[in-house]
């Protein structure tokens, strides 16, 4: 997967919890939107080939519907999904409840 853009950060949480924040609806709906936006609804079938969909609502009330497909999933380690390109989030246990999380996007 070529890197078009990416970044890394460390979280003071074990891999299991960071992965869950990226995959569990109750967590995603709390953080996965730009500042000021809300997520009035979302759904996902967390398996390779499974679909995900959500609606982002802007502060002005404009709704943006998004969706894609999960491509690869390795529990607590890797999450690859679309769109618009392939986005990969990978998680590495650094010990002492510290997790490195990186994101790459590209085709």
C-alpha atoms as a PDB file:
ATOM      1  CA  UNK A   1       0.000   0.000   0.000  1.00  0.00           C
ATOM      2  CA  UNK A   2       1.842   3.167  -1.137  1.00  0.00           C
ATOM      3  CA  UNK A   3       1.825   5.993   1.324  1.00  0.00           C
ATOM      4  CA  UNK A   4       0.022   9.093   0.096  1.00  0.00           C
ATOM      5  CA  UNK A   5      -0.142  10.655   3.509  1.00  0.00           C
ATOM      6  CA  UNK A   6       0.202   9.324   6.976  1.00  0.00           C
ATOM      7  CA  UNK A   7       1.057   9.852  10.556  1.00  0.00           C
ATOM      8  CA  UNK A   8       1.831   8.141  13.803  1.00  0.00           C
ATOM      9  CA  UNK A   9       0.933   8.827  17.369  1.00  0.00           C
ATOM     10  CA  UNK A  10       1.219   7.062  20.690  1.00  0.00           C
ATOM     11  CA  UNK A  11      -1.775   6.390  22.916  1.00  0.00           C
ATOM     12  CA  UNK A  12      -1.525   5.549  26.602  1.00  0.00           C
ATOM     13  CA  UNK A  13      -3.831   2.590  26.125  1.00  0.00           C
ATOM     14  CA  UNK A  14      -3.283  -1.058  25.231  1.00  0.00           C
ATOM     15  CA  UNK A  15      -3.656  -2.061  21.549  1.00  0.00           C
ATOM     16  CA  UNK A  16      -6.933  -3.792  22.324  1.00  0.00           C
ATOM     17  CA  UNK A  17      -8.558  -0.538  23.480  1.00  0.00           C
ATOM     18  CA  UNK A  18      -7.151   1.600  20.655  1.00  0.00           C
ATOM     19  CA  UNK A  19      -8.343  -0.946  18.072  1.00  0.00           C
ATOM     20  CA  UNK A  20     -11.752  -0.980  19.772  1.00  0.00           C
ATOM     21  CA  UNK A  21     -11.922   2.827  19.527  1.00  0.00           C
ATOM     22  CA  UNK A  22     -11.572   2.426  15.741  1.00  0.00           C
ATOM     23  CA  UNK A  23     -14.059  -0.436  15.403  1.00  0.00           C
ATOM     24  CA  UNK A  24     -16.799  -0.148  18.042  1.00  0.00           C
ATOM     25  CA  UNK A  25     -19.759   2.071  17.136  1.00  0.00           C
ATOM     26  CA  UNK A  26     -20.120   3.542  20.616  1.00  0.00           C
ATOM     27  CA  UNK A  27     -16.536   4.844  20.434  1.00  0.00           C
ATOM     28  CA  UNK A  28     -16.368   5.825  16.761  1.00  0.00           C
ATOM     29  CA  UNK A  29     -19.475   7.980  17.017  1.00  0.00           C
ATOM     30  CA  UNK A  30     -17.754   9.993  19.770  1.00  0.00           C
ATOM     31  CA  UNK A  31     -14.512  10.912  18.001  1.00  0.00           C
ATOM     32  CA  UNK A  32     -14.608  10.146  14.269  1.00  0.00           C
ATOM     33  CA  UNK A  33     -15.942  13.463  12.949  1.00  0.00           C
ATOM     34  CA  UNK A  34     -14.450  16.903  12.342  1.00  0.00           C
ATOM     35  CA  UNK A  35     -14.738  19.428  15.163  1.00  0.00           C
ATOM     36  CA  UNK A  36     -18.305  20.662  15.491  1.00  0.00           C
ATOM     37  CA  UNK A  37     -19.805  17.820  13.447  1.00  0.00           C
ATOM     38  CA  UNK A  38     -21.956  15.017  14.849  1.00  0.00           C
ATOM     39  CA  UNK A  39     -22.671  11.485  13.664  1.00  0.00           C
ATOM     40  CA  UNK A  40     -26.455  10.998  13.812  1.00  0.00           C
ATOM     41  CA  UNK A  41     -26.197   7.405  12.550  1.00  0.00           C
ATOM     42  CA  UNK A  42     -23.596   4.838  11.592  1.00  0.00           C
ATOM     43  CA  UNK A  43     -23.371   1.124  10.939  1.00  0.00           C
ATOM     44  CA  UNK A  44     -20.739  -1.367   9.959  1.00  0.00           C
ATOM     45  CA  UNK A  45     -20.154  -5.045   9.280  1.00  0.00           C
ATOM     46  CA  UNK A  46     -16.643  -5.505  10.686  1.00  0.00           C
ATOM     47  CA  UNK A  47     -15.248  -8.265   8.468  1.00  0.00           C
ATOM     48  CA  UNK A  48     -13.231  -8.310   5.253  1.00  0.00           C
ATOM     49  CA  UNK A  49     -15.687  -7.367   2.512  1.00  0.00           C
ATOM     50  CA  UNK A  50     -18.147  -5.938   5.044  1.00  0.00           C
ATOM     51  CA  UNK A  51     -19.660  -2.510   4.438  1.00  0.00           C
ATOM     52  CA  UNK A  52     -19.659   0.554   6.676  1.00  0.00           C
ATOM     53  CA  UNK A  53     -21.844   3.655   6.387  1.00  0.00           C
ATOM     54  CA  UNK A  54     -22.354   6.819   8.373  1.00  0.00           C
ATOM     55  CA  UNK A  55     -23.806  10.292   8.241  1.00  0.00           C
ATOM     56  CA  UNK A  56     -21.843  13.358   9.326  1.00  0.00           C
ATOM     57  CA  UNK A  57     -23.898  16.431  10.236  1.00  0.00           C
ATOM     58  CA  UNK A  58     -22.213  19.838  10.052  1.00  0.00           C
ATOM     59  CA  UNK A  59     -22.856  22.580  12.601  1.00  0.00           C
ATOM     60  CA  UNK A  60     -25.101  24.190   9.939  1.00  0.00           C
ATOM     61  CA  UNK A  61     -27.179  21.000   9.665  1.00  0.00           C
ATOM     62  CA  UNK A  62     -25.833  19.814   6.290  1.00  0.00           C
ATOM     63  CA  UNK A  63     -25.583  16.022   6.153  1.00  0.00           C
ATOM     64  CA  UNK A  64     -22.779  14.133   4.412  1.00  0.00           C
ATOM     65  CA  UNK A  65     -23.232  10.407   3.859  1.00  0.00           C
ATOM     66  CA  UNK A  66     -20.118   8.275   3.696  1.00  0.00           C
ATOM     67  CA  UNK A  67     -19.511   4.603   3.190  1.00  0.00           C
ATOM     68  CA  UNK A  68     -16.981   2.031   2.202  1.00  0.00           C
ATOM     69  CA  UNK A  69     -15.721  -1.491   2.627  1.00  0.00           C
ATOM     70  CA  UNK A  70     -13.443  -3.152   5.165  1.00  0.00           C
ATOM     71  CA  UNK A  71     -10.573  -4.775   3.195  1.00  0.00           C
ATOM     72  CA  UNK A  72      -8.303  -6.312   5.845  1.00  0.00           C
ATOM     73  CA  UNK A  73      -8.735  -6.829   9.555  1.00  0.00           C
ATOM     74  CA  UNK A  74      -6.236  -8.289  12.000  1.00  0.00           C
ATOM     75  CA  UNK A  75      -7.635  -8.028  15.526  1.00  0.00           C
ATOM     76  CA  UNK A  76      -5.771  -5.410  17.586  1.00  0.00           C
ATOM     77  CA  UNK A  77      -3.171  -4.909  14.796  1.00  0.00           C
ATOM     78  CA  UNK A  78      -4.519  -3.760  11.431  1.00  0.00           C
ATOM     79  CA  UNK A  79      -7.625  -2.193   9.902  1.00  0.00           C
ATOM     80  CA  UNK A  80      -7.727  -1.441   6.151  1.00  0.00           C
ATOM     81  CA  UNK A  81     -10.819   0.131   4.640  1.00  0.00           C
ATOM     82  CA  UNK A  82     -12.093   2.340   1.817  1.00  0.00           C
ATOM     83  CA  UNK A  83     -12.905   5.042   0.572  1.00  0.00           C
ATOM     84  CA  UNK A  84     -11.737   7.038  -1.179  1.00  0.00           C
ATOM     85  CA  UNK A  85      -8.499   5.100  -1.366  1.00  0.00           C
ATOM     86  CA  UNK A  86      -7.297   2.358   0.892  1.00  0.00           C
ATOM     87  CA  UNK A  87      -6.772   3.619   4.420  1.00  0.00           C
ATOM     88  CA  UNK A  88      -4.780   1.496   6.820  1.00  0.00           C
ATOM     89  CA  UNK A  89      -4.608   1.948  10.556  1.00  0.00           C
ATOM     90  CA  UNK A  90      -2.020  -0.190  12.285  1.00  0.00           C
ATOM     91  CA  UNK A  91      -1.462  -0.669  15.994  1.00  0.00           C
ATOM     92  CA  UNK A  92       1.754  -1.730  17.779  1.00  0.00           C
ATOM     93  CA  UNK A  93       2.050  -2.595  21.467  1.00  0.00           C
ATOM     94  CA  UNK A  94       4.970  -0.638  22.936  1.00  0.00           C
ATOM     95  CA  UNK A  95       4.517  -2.127  26.405  1.00  0.00           C
ATOM     96  CA  UNK A  96       3.465  -0.397  29.627  1.00  0.00           C
ATOM     97  CA  UNK A  97      -0.035   0.261  28.186  1.00  0.00           C
ATOM     98  CA  UNK A  98       1.411   2.361  25.349  1.00  0.00           C
ATOM     99  CA  UNK A  99       0.214   1.791  21.788  1.00  0.00           C
ATOM    100  CA  UNK A 100       1.669   3.252  18.627  1.00  0.00           C
ATOM    101  CA  UNK A 101      -1.032   3.989  16.067  1.00  0.00           C
ATOM    102  CA  UNK A 102      -0.209   4.821  12.468  1.00  0.00           C
ATOM    103  CA  UNK A 103      -2.395   5.679   9.514  1.00  0.00           C
ATOM    104  CA  UNK A 104      -1.508   5.368   5.838  1.00  0.00           C
ATOM    105  CA  UNK A 105      -3.616   6.158   2.845  1.00  0.00           C
ATOM    106  CA  UNK A 106      -3.009   5.329  -0.783  1.00  0.00           C
ATOM    107  CA  UNK A 107      -4.137   2.975  -3.496  1.00  0.00           C
END
